[in-house]
Amino acid sequence: MLDEATFLRLTRNEADMAFKKRVRSIFEWLQPTAEKTILDCGCGRGFYLNMIRAVSACPLYGLELDPEIIAKTRQNLAHLPDITLVRASIYEQPFEDASFDGVILSEVLEHIEDDVRGLQEVFRVLKPNGVVAITVPNANYPFWWDPINKTLESAGLPPIKRGVFAGIWANHVRLYTKAQLRQAVAAAGFLVEEERAFTHYCFPFIHNVVYGIGKPLLESGALPKSMAQAADRTTFDQNSGSLFNPINLGLAVLNWFDRPNQINEPDGRTTVNLALKARKPA
C-alpha cells in the first residue's frame, strides 16, 4: 500500500479528483511488489505504469489498441526500465494463459461493445488467485461533474459523446450501475471481493475543463513549460509546487473541493466512478 507522502507525490499534478481515487484503489488492491507481474489492460498514455514504476521494480506490461495513443505511451515511458508495451485488442491478447498476478482495467469496459468477452480474456491471462482492479464511470454521476449531459439525460435526450462538451460520456458505449458492473464481472468467472463508489463533490464542469480544454492544450504544447510540468501526470517530480504557477493554484482549489470525498461513498449517492476488485478462483 502507498504511504500518504508517496501518494501525494505521485498525484500532485492531478486535476481529476476521481483519478486520484482510482490510483489509490488500484495500488491498494494490486499491491505491486517486486515479485508480481502486472498488466495495464487498456493502458492509454501509460499513467498507471509510470506511477507503479516510480515505487516498484515489478515487471510491467501495457496493452493498448489505438496506434496514436500507444505511440504517446512509448514516448512517455521510454526512460523507464522493464515495461513491455503491446498493441493489441482486449479481446485477443497476445499473452499465455495465467501470465499475470494482477491486471488493471481502468476506464476501459465502457469503451467496448462486449464487456463480458473482454473480461473473459482478462480472466484467461490472469494467474489463479490473481486480482483485477476495475474502474468505470457511474451512471449515477454528480450533476456538477457534467451538467450538460446530466441535463440532456434528464430531458430524455441522448448524451453528447464527442468533442469538448462530451463530458463523462466521451467515446463511451455505456455507463454502469453497481449491479451491471457486478453482473458482467461475475459472468466472466470472477469472484467479486470489494466494491467502491467515489468522488461525489466536484468543481462545476470539471470534466469539460480538464479533458475538453486542459488536455488538448497540454498535448498541443501550447502551455508554457512550468505550467505544462505542473499539469502533466507524468512529470510530478518536476513540479515545484509554487502557487505563483496558475496550474498549482487551480489544483489547490480542486483539492479543496475534494476534501469531503470518501474512498467509498454511501449507497445511492451520486459519484463519478465505480470501482471493483475481483479475483480469479484458485
C-alpha atoms as a PDB file:
ATOM      1  CA  MET A   1       0.000   0.000   0.000  1.00  0.00           C
ATOM      2  CA  LEU A   2       1.217   3.512  -0.757  1.00  0.00           C
ATOM      3  CA  ASP A   3       2.106   5.678   2.196  1.00  0.00           C
ATOM      4  CA  GLU A   4       0.394   9.068   2.178  1.00  0.00           C
ATOM      5  CA  ALA A   5       3.512  11.071   1.285  1.00  0.00           C
ATOM      6  CA  THR A   6       4.198   8.904  -1.773  1.00  0.00           C
ATOM      7  CA  PHE A   7       0.573   9.049  -2.874  1.00  0.00           C
ATOM      8  CA  LEU A   8       0.574  12.844  -2.660  1.00  0.00           C
ATOM      9  CA  ARG A   9       3.815  12.966  -4.639  1.00  0.00           C
ATOM     10  CA  LEU A  10       2.526  10.724  -7.431  1.00  0.00           C
ATOM     11  CA  THR A  11      -0.742  12.648  -7.761  1.00  0.00           C
ATOM     12  CA  ARG A  12       0.488  16.195  -7.091  1.00  0.00           C
ATOM     13  CA  ASN A  13      -0.288  17.271 -10.698  1.00  0.00           C
ATOM     14  CA  GLU A  14      -3.726  15.672 -10.779  1.00  0.00           C
ATOM     15  CA  ALA A  15      -6.718  17.870 -11.648  1.00  0.00           C
ATOM     16  CA  ASP A  16      -9.152  14.952 -11.940  1.00  0.00           C
ATOM     17  CA  MET A  17     -10.062  14.183  -8.344  1.00  0.00           C
ATOM     18  CA  ALA A  18     -11.713  10.911  -9.391  1.00  0.00           C
ATOM     19  CA  PHE A  19      -8.424   9.790 -10.951  1.00  0.00           C
ATOM     20  CA  LYS A  20      -6.714  10.255  -7.591  1.00  0.00           C
ATOM     21  CA  LYS A  21      -9.218   7.849  -6.022  1.00  0.00           C
ATOM     22  CA  ARG A  22      -8.643   5.403  -8.878  1.00  0.00           C
ATOM     23  CA  VAL A  23      -4.884   5.477  -8.239  1.00  0.00           C
ATOM     24  CA  ARG A  24      -5.361   4.815  -4.540  1.00  0.00           C
ATOM     25  CA  SER A  25      -7.743   1.891  -5.172  1.00  0.00           C
ATOM     26  CA  ILE A  26      -5.535   0.256  -7.787  1.00  0.00           C
ATOM     27  CA  PHE A  27      -2.436   0.388  -5.574  1.00  0.00           C
ATOM     28  CA  GLU A  28      -4.358  -0.935  -2.569  1.00  0.00           C
ATOM     29  CA  TRP A  29      -5.897  -3.808  -4.487  1.00  0.00           C
ATOM     30  CA  LEU A  30      -2.936  -4.923  -6.643  1.00  0.00           C
ATOM     31  CA  GLN A  31      -0.104  -4.309  -4.144  1.00  0.00           C
ATOM     32  CA  PRO A  32       2.614  -4.081  -6.865  1.00  0.00           C
ATOM     33  CA  THR A  33       5.509  -5.712  -5.040  1.00  0.00           C
ATOM     34  CA  ALA A  34       8.666  -6.719  -6.915  1.00  0.00           C
ATOM     35  CA  GLU A  35       7.718 -10.389  -7.382  1.00  0.00           C
ATOM     36  CA  LYS A  36       4.416  -9.654  -9.144  1.00  0.00           C
ATOM     37  CA  THR A  37       3.876  -9.236 -12.877  1.00  0.00           C
ATOM     38  CA  ILE A  38       1.204  -6.674 -13.698  1.00  0.00           C
ATOM     39  CA  LEU A  39      -0.684  -5.814 -16.877  1.00  0.00           C
ATOM     40  CA  ASP A  40      -2.368  -2.480 -17.527  1.00  0.00           C
ATOM     41  CA  CYS A  41      -5.023  -3.589 -19.993  1.00  0.00           C
ATOM     42  CA  GLY A  42      -6.051  -0.535 -21.969  1.00  0.00           C
ATOM     43  CA  CYS A  43      -3.071   1.411 -20.653  1.00  0.00           C
ATOM     44  CA  GLY A  44      -3.791   4.625 -22.535  1.00  0.00           C
ATOM     45  CA  ARG A  45      -0.869   7.009 -22.206  1.00  0.00           C
ATOM     46  CA  GLY A  46       0.786   4.903 -19.505  1.00  0.00           C
ATOM     47  CA  PHE A  47      -0.018   6.929 -16.391  1.00  0.00           C
ATOM     48  CA  TYR A  48      -0.526   3.960 -14.065  1.00  0.00           C
ATOM     49  CA  LEU A  49       2.574   2.216 -15.419  1.00  0.00           C
ATOM     50  CA  ASN A  50       4.615   5.348 -14.798  1.00  0.00           C
ATOM     51  CA  MET A  51       3.368   5.620 -11.206  1.00  0.00           C
ATOM     52  CA  ILE A  52       3.928   1.950 -10.412  1.00  0.00           C
ATOM     53  CA  ARG A  53       7.456   2.073 -11.807  1.00  0.00           C
ATOM     54  CA  ALA A  54       8.186   5.069  -9.565  1.00  0.00           C
ATOM     55  CA  VAL A  55       7.673   2.874  -6.481  1.00  0.00           C
ATOM     56  CA  SER A  56       8.170  -0.751  -7.610  1.00  0.00           C
ATOM     57  CA  ALA A  57      10.563  -2.817  -9.725  1.00  0.00           C
ATOM     58  CA  CYS A  58       7.889  -5.348 -10.687  1.00  0.00           C
ATOM     59  CA  PRO A  59       7.679  -6.409 -14.359  1.00  0.00           C
ATOM     60  CA  LEU A  60       5.054  -4.293 -16.129  1.00  0.00           C
ATOM     61  CA  TYR A  61       3.089  -4.760 -19.329  1.00  0.00           C
ATOM     62  CA  GLY A  62       0.782  -2.351 -21.113  1.00  0.00           C
ATOM     63  CA  LEU A  63      -1.774  -3.250 -23.765  1.00  0.00           C
ATOM     64  CA  GLU A  64      -3.345  -0.578 -25.982  1.00  0.00           C
ATOM     65  CA  LEU A  65      -5.133  -0.803 -29.335  1.00  0.00           C
ATOM     66  CA  ASP A  66      -5.095   2.807 -30.575  1.00  0.00           C
ATOM     67  CA  PRO A  67      -1.886   3.354 -32.632  1.00  0.00           C
ATOM     68  CA  GLU A  68      -1.695   7.097 -31.917  1.00  0.00           C
ATOM     69  CA  ILE A  69      -2.131   6.636 -28.187  1.00  0.00           C
ATOM     70  CA  ILE A  70       0.403   3.823 -27.842  1.00  0.00           C
ATOM     71  CA  ALA A  71       2.932   5.964 -29.714  1.00  0.00           C
ATOM     72  CA  LYS A  72       2.477   8.606 -26.990  1.00  0.00           C
ATOM     73  CA  THR A  73       2.775   5.893 -24.349  1.00  0.00           C
ATOM     74  CA  ARG A  74       6.101   4.745 -25.742  1.00  0.00           C
ATOM     75  CA  GLN A  75       7.331   8.330 -25.623  1.00  0.00           C
ATOM     76  CA  ASN A  76       6.087   8.845 -22.050  1.00  0.00           C
ATOM     77  CA  LEU A  77       7.684   5.639 -20.737  1.00  0.00           C
ATOM     78  CA  ALA A  78      10.820   5.394 -22.896  1.00  0.00           C
ATOM     79  CA  HIS A  79      13.098   6.307 -19.981  1.00  0.00           C
ATOM     80  CA  LEU A  80      11.720   3.610 -17.676  1.00  0.00           C
ATOM     81  CA  PRO A  81      13.049   0.010 -17.459  1.00  0.00           C
ATOM     82  CA  ASP A  82      11.228  -3.316 -17.766  1.00  0.00           C
ATOM     83  CA  ILE A  83       7.949  -2.073 -19.251  1.00  0.00           C
ATOM     84  CA  THR A  84       6.674  -4.004 -22.251  1.00  0.00           C
ATOM     85  CA  LEU A  85       4.094  -2.262 -24.429  1.00  0.00           C
ATOM     86  CA  VAL A  86       1.943  -4.243 -26.847  1.00  0.00           C
ATOM     87  CA  ARG A  87      -0.550  -3.001 -29.413  1.00  0.00           C
ATOM     88  CA  ALA A  88      -3.480  -5.418 -29.410  1.00  0.00           C
ATOM     89  CA  SER A  89      -7.192  -5.755 -28.720  1.00  0.00           C
ATOM     90  CA  ILE A  90      -8.517  -6.594 -25.272  1.00  0.00           C
ATOM     91  CA  TYR A  91     -10.428  -9.436 -26.958  1.00  0.00           C
ATOM     92  CA  GLU A  92      -7.272 -11.060 -28.428  1.00  0.00           C
ATOM     93  CA  GLN A  93      -4.386 -10.516 -26.041  1.00  0.00           C
ATOM     94  CA  PRO A  94      -1.011 -11.939 -27.159  1.00  0.00           C
ATOM     95  CA  PHE A  95      -0.195 -13.439 -23.759  1.00  0.00           C
ATOM     96  CA  GLU A  96      -0.085 -17.003 -22.496  1.00  0.00           C
ATOM     97  CA  ASP A  97      -2.736 -18.284 -20.111  1.00  0.00           C
ATOM     98  CA  ALA A  98      -2.090 -17.372 -16.465  1.00  0.00           C
ATOM     99  CA  SER A  99       0.624 -14.798 -17.204  1.00  0.00           C
ATOM    100  CA  PHE A 100      -0.164 -12.066 -14.670  1.00  0.00           C
ATOM    101  CA  ASP A 101      -0.583 -11.684 -10.935  1.00  0.00           C
ATOM    102  CA  GLY A 102      -2.635  -8.521 -11.362  1.00  0.00           C
ATOM    103  CA  VAL A 103      -4.478  -6.646 -14.110  1.00  0.00           C
ATOM    104  CA  ILE A 104      -5.533  -3.007 -14.206  1.00  0.00           C
ATOM    105  CA  LEU A 105      -8.760  -2.452 -16.134  1.00  0.00           C
ATOM    106  CA  SER A 106      -9.375   1.243 -15.531  1.00  0.00           C
ATOM    107  CA  GLU A 107     -11.852   3.234 -17.653  1.00  0.00           C
ATOM    108  CA  VAL A 108     -11.863   0.537 -20.346  1.00  0.00           C
ATOM    109  CA  LEU A 109     -15.045  -1.543 -20.162  1.00  0.00           C
ATOM    110  CA  GLU A 110     -17.274   1.418 -21.007  1.00  0.00           C
ATOM    111  CA  HIS A 111     -15.469   1.761 -24.346  1.00  0.00           C
ATOM    112  CA  ILE A 112     -16.004  -1.784 -25.666  1.00  0.00           C
ATOM    113  CA  GLU A 113     -19.124  -3.356 -27.138  1.00  0.00           C
ATOM    114  CA  ASP A 114     -18.810  -6.766 -25.438  1.00  0.00           C
ATOM    115  CA  ASP A 115     -17.627  -6.170 -21.890  1.00  0.00           C
ATOM    116  CA  VAL A 116     -18.088  -9.777 -20.762  1.00  0.00           C
ATOM    117  CA  ARG A 117     -15.943 -11.066 -23.625  1.00  0.00           C
ATOM    118  CA  GLY A 118     -13.230  -8.570 -22.707  1.00  0.00           C
ATOM    119  CA  LEU A 119     -13.395  -9.654 -19.068  1.00  0.00           C
ATOM    120  CA  GLN A 120     -13.172 -13.317 -20.079  1.00  0.00           C
ATOM    121  CA  GLU A 121      -9.901 -12.601 -21.883  1.00  0.00           C
ATOM    122  CA  VAL A 122      -8.583 -10.827 -18.798  1.00  0.00           C
ATOM    123  CA  PHE A 123      -9.653 -13.875 -16.776  1.00  0.00           C
ATOM    124  CA  ARG A 124      -7.633 -16.098 -19.149  1.00  0.00           C
ATOM    125  CA  VAL A 125      -4.361 -14.166 -18.798  1.00  0.00           C
ATOM    126  CA  LEU A 126      -4.620 -13.859 -15.003  1.00  0.00           C
ATOM    127  CA  LYS A 127      -2.997 -16.477 -12.796  1.00  0.00           C
ATOM    128  CA  PRO A 128      -5.253 -18.448 -10.455  1.00  0.00           C
ATOM    129  CA  ASN A 129      -5.832 -16.273  -7.393  1.00  0.00           C
ATOM    130  CA  GLY A 130      -4.847 -13.214  -9.453  1.00  0.00           C
ATOM    131  CA  VAL A 131      -6.634  -9.891  -8.975  1.00  0.00           C
ATOM    132  CA  VAL A 132      -8.193  -7.467 -11.441  1.00  0.00           C
ATOM    133  CA  ALA A 133      -8.797  -3.857 -10.370  1.00  0.00           C
ATOM    134  CA  ILE A 134     -11.647  -2.327 -12.381  1.00  0.00           C
ATOM    135  CA  THR A 135     -12.935   1.228 -12.577  1.00  0.00           C
ATOM    136  CA  VAL A 136     -15.791   2.540 -14.726  1.00  0.00           C
ATOM    137  CA  PRO A 137     -17.892   5.723 -14.899  1.00  0.00           C
ATOM    138  CA  ASN A 138     -21.010   5.665 -12.748  1.00  0.00           C
ATOM    139  CA  ALA A 139     -24.368   6.024 -14.489  1.00  0.00           C
ATOM    140  CA  ASN A 140     -25.492   7.899 -11.358  1.00  0.00           C
ATOM    141  CA  TYR A 141     -22.909  10.679 -11.659  1.00  0.00           C
ATOM    142  CA  PRO A 142     -22.977  14.104  -9.941  1.00  0.00           C
ATOM    143  CA  PHE A 143     -24.734  16.944 -11.757  1.00  0.00           C
ATOM    144  CA  TRP A 144     -21.791  19.338 -11.426  1.00  0.00           C
ATOM    145  CA  TRP A 145     -19.302  16.864 -12.891  1.00  0.00           C
ATOM    146  CA  ASP A 146     -21.059  17.049 -16.251  1.00  0.00           C
ATOM    147  CA  PRO A 147     -24.058  19.424 -16.112  1.00  0.00           C
ATOM    148  CA  ILE A 148     -24.584  19.373 -19.873  1.00  0.00           C
ATOM    149  CA  ASN A 149     -25.112  15.635 -20.248  1.00  0.00           C
ATOM    150  CA  LYS A 150     -26.937  15.364 -16.938  1.00  0.00           C
ATOM    151  CA  THR A 151     -29.450  17.934 -18.205  1.00  0.00           C
ATOM    152  CA  LEU A 152     -29.794  16.179 -21.548  1.00  0.00           C
ATOM    153  CA  GLU A 153     -30.377  12.808 -19.888  1.00  0.00           C
ATOM    154  CA  SER A 154     -32.943  14.306 -17.512  1.00  0.00           C
ATOM    155  CA  ALA A 155     -34.820  15.649 -20.538  1.00  0.00           C
ATOM    156  CA  GLY A 156     -34.770  12.214 -22.223  1.00  0.00           C
ATOM    157  CA  LEU A 157     -32.252  13.332 -24.847  1.00  0.00           C
ATOM    158  CA  PRO A 158     -29.131  11.415 -25.933  1.00  0.00           C
ATOM    159  CA  PRO A 159     -25.837  12.473 -24.316  1.00  0.00           C
ATOM    160  CA  ILE A 160     -23.011  14.198 -26.168  1.00  0.00           C
ATOM    161  CA  LYS A 161     -20.242  11.633 -26.822  1.00  0.00           C
ATOM    162  CA  ARG A 162     -17.769  13.599 -28.959  1.00  0.00           C
ATOM    163  CA  GLY A 163     -15.961  16.917 -28.687  1.00  0.00           C
ATOM    164  CA  VAL A 164     -15.289  19.466 -25.968  1.00  0.00           C
ATOM    165  CA  PHE A 165     -18.786  19.109 -24.464  1.00  0.00           C
ATOM    166  CA  ALA A 166     -18.769  15.296 -24.324  1.00  0.00           C
ATOM    167  CA  GLY A 167     -18.135  15.117 -20.575  1.00  0.00           C
ATOM    168  CA  ILE A 168     -18.445  11.774 -18.811  1.00  0.00           C
ATOM    169  CA  TRP A 169     -19.929  10.174 -21.939  1.00  0.00           C
ATOM    170  CA  ALA A 170     -16.842  10.872 -24.088  1.00  0.00           C
ATOM    171  CA  ASN A 171     -16.410   7.962 -26.545  1.00  0.00           C
ATOM    172  CA  HIS A 172     -18.336   5.621 -24.251  1.00  0.00           C
ATOM    173  CA  VAL A 173     -20.672   2.793 -25.189  1.00  0.00           C
ATOM    174  CA  ARG A 174     -22.286   2.810 -21.739  1.00  0.00           C
ATOM    175  CA  LEU A 175     -22.033   3.985 -18.152  1.00  0.00           C
ATOM    176  CA  TYR A 176     -22.530   1.457 -15.326  1.00  0.00           C
ATOM    177  CA  THR A 177     -24.684   0.873 -12.320  1.00  0.00           C
ATOM    178  CA  LYS A 178     -23.193  -1.184  -9.485  1.00  0.00           C
ATOM    179  CA  ALA A 179     -25.427  -4.124 -10.404  1.00  0.00           C
ATOM    180  CA  GLN A 180     -24.464  -4.011 -14.086  1.00  0.00           C
ATOM    181  CA  LEU A 181     -20.742  -3.990 -13.319  1.00  0.00           C
ATOM    182  CA  ARG A 182     -21.044  -6.784 -10.781  1.00  0.00           C
ATOM    183  CA  GLN A 183     -23.093  -8.891 -13.198  1.00  0.00           C
ATOM    184  CA  ALA A 184     -20.580  -8.528 -16.047  1.00  0.00           C
ATOM    185  CA  VAL A 185     -17.633  -9.414 -13.796  1.00  0.00           C
ATOM    186  CA  ALA A 186     -19.376 -12.474 -12.366  1.00  0.00           C
ATOM    187  CA  ALA A 187     -20.431 -13.628 -15.846  1.00  0.00           C
ATOM    188  CA  ALA A 188     -16.741 -13.772 -16.817  1.00  0.00           C
ATOM    189  CA  GLY A 189     -15.996 -16.146 -13.928  1.00  0.00           C
ATOM    190  CA  PHE A 190     -14.552 -13.771 -11.338  1.00  0.00           C
ATOM    191  CA  LEU A 191     -15.294 -13.632  -7.641  1.00  0.00           C
ATOM    192  CA  VAL A 192     -16.152 -10.094  -6.517  1.00  0.00           C
ATOM    193  CA  GLU A 193     -14.235  -9.134  -3.350  1.00  0.00           C
ATOM    194  CA  GLU A 194     -14.802  -5.408  -2.905  1.00  0.00           C
ATOM    195  CA  GLU A 195     -16.777  -2.559  -4.457  1.00  0.00           C
ATOM    196  CA  ARG A 196     -16.370   1.185  -4.158  1.00  0.00           C
ATOM    197  CA  ALA A 197     -18.069   4.343  -5.404  1.00  0.00           C
ATOM    198  CA  PHE A 198     -16.162   7.619  -5.167  1.00  0.00           C
ATOM    199  CA  THR A 199     -15.989  11.349  -5.943  1.00  0.00           C
ATOM    200  CA  HIS A 200     -19.293  12.995  -5.111  1.00  0.00           C
ATOM    201  CA  TYR A 201     -18.242  16.611  -4.514  1.00  0.00           C
ATOM    202  CA  CYS A 202     -16.651  18.258  -7.543  1.00  0.00           C
ATOM    203  CA  PHE A 203     -15.880  21.591  -9.143  1.00  0.00           C
ATOM    204  CA  PRO A 204     -18.594  22.596 -11.653  1.00  0.00           C
ATOM    205  CA  PHE A 205     -17.959  21.475 -15.248  1.00  0.00           C
ATOM    206  CA  ILE A 206     -14.623  19.958 -14.184  1.00  0.00           C
ATOM    207  CA  HIS A 207     -14.725  17.100 -16.703  1.00  0.00           C
ATOM    208  CA  ASN A 208     -15.095  19.587 -19.552  1.00  0.00           C
ATOM    209  CA  VAL A 209     -12.375  21.855 -18.122  1.00  0.00           C
ATOM    210  CA  VAL A 210      -9.808  19.069 -17.592  1.00  0.00           C
ATOM    211  CA  TYR A 211     -10.437  16.843 -20.613  1.00  0.00           C
ATOM    212  CA  GLY A 212     -12.200  19.135 -23.069  1.00  0.00           C
ATOM    213  CA  ILE A 213      -9.895  22.146 -22.648  1.00  0.00           C
ATOM    214  CA  GLY A 214      -6.858  21.330 -20.483  1.00  0.00           C
ATOM    215  CA  LYS A 215      -5.826  18.040 -22.080  1.00  0.00           C
ATOM    216  CA  PRO A 216      -5.795  19.387 -25.689  1.00  0.00           C
ATOM    217  CA  LEU A 217      -3.816  22.453 -24.556  1.00  0.00           C
ATOM    218  CA  LEU A 218      -1.240  20.281 -22.784  1.00  0.00           C
ATOM    219  CA  GLU A 219      -0.832  17.797 -25.632  1.00  0.00           C
ATOM    220  CA  SER A 220      -0.589  20.547 -28.256  1.00  0.00           C
ATOM    221  CA  GLY A 221       2.389  22.101 -26.465  1.00  0.00           C
ATOM    222  CA  ALA A 222       0.537  25.398 -26.038  1.00  0.00           C
ATOM    223  CA  LEU A 223       1.268  25.734 -22.307  1.00  0.00           C
ATOM    224  CA  PRO A 224       4.469  27.367 -21.007  1.00  0.00           C
ATOM    225  CA  LYS A 225       6.991  24.848 -19.686  1.00  0.00           C
ATOM    226  CA  SER A 226       6.373  25.480 -15.977  1.00  0.00           C
ATOM    227  CA  MET A 227       2.607  25.180 -16.439  1.00  0.00           C
ATOM    228  CA  ALA A 228       2.976  22.031 -18.548  1.00  0.00           C
ATOM    229  CA  GLN A 229       5.173  20.402 -15.887  1.00  0.00           C
ATOM    230  CA  ALA A 230       2.508  21.146 -13.268  1.00  0.00           C
ATOM    231  CA  ALA A 231      -0.320  19.824 -15.450  1.00  0.00           C
ATOM    232  CA  ASP A 232       1.320  16.653 -16.782  1.00  0.00           C
ATOM    233  CA  ARG A 233       0.601  13.423 -14.857  1.00  0.00           C
ATOM    234  CA  THR A 234       3.987  12.017 -15.878  1.00  0.00           C
ATOM    235  CA  THR A 235       6.113  14.912 -14.550  1.00  0.00           C
ATOM    236  CA  PHE A 236       5.069  15.017 -10.906  1.00  0.00           C
ATOM    237  CA  ASP A 237       8.712  15.230  -9.767  1.00  0.00           C
ATOM    238  CA  GLN A 238       9.331  18.355 -11.884  1.00  0.00           C
ATOM    239  CA  ASN A 239       6.592  20.499 -10.332  1.00  0.00           C
ATOM    240  CA  SER A 240       7.956  22.972  -7.772  1.00  0.00           C
ATOM    241  CA  GLY A 241       4.517  23.318  -6.196  1.00  0.00           C
ATOM    242  CA  SER A 242       4.660  27.126  -6.275  1.00  0.00           C
ATOM    243  CA  LEU A 243       1.241  28.799  -6.022  1.00  0.00           C
ATOM    244  CA  PHE A 244       2.553  31.537  -8.326  1.00  0.00           C
ATOM    245  CA  ASN A 245       2.058  28.914 -11.040  1.00  0.00           C
ATOM    246  CA  PRO A 246      -1.609  29.221 -12.167  1.00  0.00           C
ATOM    247  CA  ILE A 247      -1.876  25.452 -12.582  1.00  0.00           C
ATOM    248  CA  ASN A 248      -0.852  24.819  -8.974  1.00  0.00           C
ATOM    249  CA  LEU A 249      -3.270  27.480  -7.774  1.00  0.00           C
ATOM    250  CA  GLY A 250      -6.045  25.717  -9.710  1.00  0.00           C
ATOM    251  CA  LEU A 251      -5.005  22.365  -8.249  1.00  0.00           C
ATOM    252  CA  ALA A 252      -5.244  23.806  -4.745  1.00  0.00           C
ATOM    253  CA  VAL A 253      -8.833  24.869  -5.440  1.00  0.00           C
ATOM    254  CA  LEU A 254      -9.735  21.419  -6.814  1.00  0.00           C
ATOM    255  CA  ASN A 255      -8.142  19.693  -3.823  1.00  0.00           C
ATOM    256  CA  TRP A 256     -10.259  21.880  -1.543  1.00  0.00           C
ATOM    257  CA  PHE A 257     -13.408  20.638  -3.310  1.00  0.00           C
ATOM    258  CA  ASP A 258     -12.142  17.057  -2.927  1.00  0.00           C
ATOM    259  CA  ARG A 259     -11.642  17.253   0.849  1.00  0.00           C
ATOM    260  CA  PRO A 260     -15.054  15.834   1.894  1.00  0.00           C
ATOM    261  CA  ASN A 261     -14.964  12.987  -0.623  1.00  0.00           C
ATOM    262  CA  GLN A 262     -14.580   9.455   0.709  1.00  0.00           C
ATOM    263  CA  ILE A 263     -12.906   6.423  -0.872  1.00  0.00           C
ATOM    264  CA  ASN A 264     -16.296   4.706  -0.739  1.00  0.00           C
ATOM    265  CA  GLU A 265     -19.421   6.861  -0.646  1.00  0.00           C
ATOM    266  CA  PRO A 266     -22.723   5.636   0.811  1.00  0.00           C
ATOM    267  CA  ASP A 267     -25.099   3.667  -1.428  1.00  0.00           C
ATOM    268  CA  GLY A 268     -27.340   5.841  -3.550  1.00  0.00           C
ATOM    269  CA  ARG A 269     -25.050   8.892  -3.534  1.00  0.00           C
ATOM    270  CA  THR A 270     -24.021  10.206  -6.943  1.00  0.00           C
ATOM    271  CA  THR A 271     -20.349   9.528  -7.726  1.00  0.00           C
ATOM    272  CA  VAL A 272     -18.080   9.843 -10.725  1.00  0.00           C
ATOM    273  CA  ASN A 273     -16.654   6.330 -10.538  1.00  0.00           C
ATOM    274  CA  LEU A 274     -17.463   2.793  -9.552  1.00  0.00           C
ATOM    275  CA  ALA A 275     -14.553   0.521  -8.681  1.00  0.00           C
ATOM    276  CA  LEU A 276     -14.443  -3.218  -8.161  1.00  0.00           C
ATOM    277  CA  LYS A 277     -11.833  -5.709  -7.007  1.00  0.00           C
ATOM    278  CA  ALA A 278     -12.286  -9.247  -8.339  1.00  0.00           C
ATOM    279  CA  ARG A 279     -10.250 -12.427  -8.091  1.00  0.00           C
ATOM    280  CA  LYS A 280      -9.769 -15.405 -10.362  1.00  0.00           C
ATOM    281  CA  PRO A 281     -10.621 -18.522  -8.328  1.00  0.00           C
ATOM    282  CA  ALA A 282      -7.637 -20.572  -7.227  1.00  0.00           C
END
